[in-house]
């Protein structure tokens, strides 16, 4: 499963590739991908949409990019931890 995000900060999941306009962040098995995102992302006000923390509040492209990079690192760490715990 591919974990991806849009410039708005919205996070999504795809089976083969990220949709046009989205940035692919990481590939992981379905169960690990969802747990990892739920462990380091935040929910939007609708309680259904997962967001990259810091992107919706960013004041420009540089700040949004830094938030995406920080989230990518946390996501990698979380996926690694989940895979280690399952082994």
Protein backbone atom coordinates (compact mmCIF):
# COMPACT_ATOMS: atom_id res chain seq x y z
CA UNK A 1 0.00 0.00 0.00
CA UNK A 2 1.25 3.49 -0.86
CA UNK A 3 0.85 6.29 1.68
CA UNK A 4 0.60 9.67 -0.04
CA UNK A 5 -0.19 13.29 0.78
CA UNK A 6 -1.49 16.33 -1.05
CA UNK A 7 -0.25 19.92 -0.64
CA UNK A 8 -3.32 20.53 1.55
CA UNK A 9 -1.91 17.99 4.02
CA UNK A 10 -4.57 15.37 3.34
CA UNK A 11 -3.20 11.83 3.57
CA UNK A 12 -4.46 8.95 1.48
CA UNK A 13 -3.74 5.32 0.65
CA UNK A 14 -3.44 3.67 -2.76
CA UNK A 15 -2.75 0.14 -3.88
CA UNK A 16 -0.36 0.82 -6.78
CA UNK A 17 0.66 4.49 -7.05
CA UNK A 18 -0.16 7.91 -5.70
CA UNK A 19 -2.78 9.86 -7.66
CA UNK A 20 -1.84 12.84 -9.80
CA UNK A 21 -0.98 15.85 -7.68
CA UNK A 22 -0.04 13.80 -4.62
CA UNK A 23 3.39 12.93 -3.23
CA UNK A 24 4.07 9.28 -2.43
CA UNK A 25 5.56 9.09 1.06
CA UNK A 26 6.08 5.41 1.84
CA UNK A 27 5.11 1.89 0.86
CA UNK A 28 4.05 -0.58 3.55
CA UNK A 29 1.64 -3.47 4.07
CA UNK A 30 -1.97 -2.31 4.54
CA UNK A 31 -2.22 -3.05 8.27
CA UNK A 32 1.13 -1.40 9.01
CA UNK A 33 0.42 1.63 6.80
CA UNK A 34 -2.83 2.51 8.54
CA UNK A 35 -1.44 1.98 12.05
CA UNK A 36 1.62 4.09 11.22
CA UNK A 37 -0.45 6.97 9.87
CA UNK A 38 -2.89 6.83 12.78
CA UNK A 39 0.10 6.96 15.15
CA UNK A 40 1.74 10.08 13.75
CA UNK A 41 -0.85 12.06 11.75
CA UNK A 42 -3.79 14.06 13.03
CA UNK A 43 -7.46 13.99 12.27
CA UNK A 44 -9.20 16.89 10.56
CA UNK A 45 -12.30 18.42 12.11
CA UNK A 46 -14.47 15.94 10.22
CA UNK A 47 -12.91 13.07 12.25
CA UNK A 48 -12.34 11.10 9.02
CA UNK A 49 -9.59 12.87 7.10
CA UNK A 50 -5.99 12.29 8.17
CA UNK A 51 -3.63 15.27 7.85
CA UNK A 52 0.12 15.78 7.89
CA UNK A 53 0.66 17.90 11.02
CA UNK A 54 1.86 21.40 10.19
CA UNK A 55 0.94 21.50 6.51
CA UNK A 56 -2.56 23.00 6.81
CA UNK A 57 -1.19 25.71 9.14
CA UNK A 58 1.94 26.44 7.09
CA UNK A 59 2.58 30.00 6.01
CA UNK A 60 4.38 29.08 2.80
CA UNK A 61 5.92 26.39 0.68
CA UNK A 62 9.14 26.12 2.71
CA UNK A 63 7.24 25.59 5.96
CA UNK A 64 4.91 23.05 4.32
CA UNK A 65 7.87 21.18 2.86
CA UNK A 66 9.58 21.04 6.25
CA UNK A 67 6.38 19.70 7.85
CA UNK A 68 6.19 17.03 5.14
CA UNK A 69 9.83 16.04 5.69
CA UNK A 70 9.34 15.85 9.46
CA UNK A 71 6.22 13.75 9.01
CA UNK A 72 8.01 11.47 6.56
CA UNK A 73 10.70 10.77 9.15
CA UNK A 74 8.14 10.08 11.89
CA UNK A 75 6.23 7.83 9.50
CA UNK A 76 9.38 5.87 8.64
CA UNK A 77 10.23 5.48 12.32
CA UNK A 78 6.70 4.32 13.13
CA UNK A 79 6.64 1.78 10.28
CA UNK A 80 10.01 0.44 11.37
CA UNK A 81 8.81 0.11 14.98
CA UNK A 82 5.61 -1.67 13.93
CA UNK A 83 7.51 -4.09 11.71
CA UNK A 84 10.05 -4.80 14.49
CA UNK A 85 7.27 -5.47 16.99
CA UNK A 86 5.61 -7.91 14.59
CA UNK A 87 8.82 -9.86 13.98
